[in-house]
Amino acid sequence: MTARSSNLRETLLSGAQTLGVFLFLGSPDVAEVMAVAGFRVLLVDREHAAADYATALAELRAIRSVSDAFVMVRTRDNSPGAIKPMLDAGFDGIMVADIRTPKEAHAITDAARYAPMGRRGAHFTVSRAAHYGLDVARHSETANQSILVCAMIESRQGLENIDAIAAVEGIDMLFLGPLDLTADYGTFGNLASPELAAALHKAEARITQSGKLLGGAALPGDTLVDLFSRGYSLVTSASDVGILREGALKYTQCK
């Protein structure tokens, strides 16, 4: 492993706006294809994907073998057991699903940040993220500044607590998850709900005003130009499953 000239957190905090893709299939081969295609941020899912930590590491290695793209992982919850192994493996950032309160956000930073910012276990004497202990000094000094820590907002309660969640030290980005938000705004599963759109626009403004990074998934009809103009730093507009499904349908529905 070689040292990287930049990191995801500093890249986005400097004002960069980038396109990401979710990886749900748990396949290193698919992850490699997505990286070759040119996505700049690849998000390995471990909230819904039927795959383990070892497969997540295999996906990370596959991506890094062909690309200098950044690789995040989405965990199932904010527990240290879900977060620490992924950061010790060397992911560039952590995204935690369905954060609803500042207390839950504090739990993320405790698990993801080394002291004095958090309580992340000091495994860097042997961890992959610290080149298996060969880069202890650099890693222990720079990890808090290089890891992107992201809280997903996917509920009415989360939206109502945006200001308090954004105020938590150590949280870099709030990422809006529109599909789960439909359970509280409009009709469940209806991404075209005017009520949802209004709630999202209000949330976008509050996040950008807080000074924290804004991330989210593109809704049908959204363009990257629209979303970036509204202050988004990271936008996911596709997934490995969606791309494979749409590609397959072109053949099966061909007349």
Foldseek 3Di string as FASTA:
>chain_A
DDDDPAFDLVCLLVPAAFEEAEEQALDLVLLLVVLVVPHQEYEYEPQPHPDDPVSVLSNVVSNVVRHPHAYEYEFNALALVGPQVNVLSAHQEYEYEADQALVRLQSNQQNQPPPPRHPHDQPLCQGVNCVGNPNSVVCNVCRLVRYAYEYEHQEPSNLVRVLSNLPRPSHAEYEYEQQSHCVVFPHRRDSVGPRSVVSVLVSLVSNVVSVHAYHYEDGVPDDPVNVVVSRHRYYYDYYSVRVVVVVVCCVVVPD
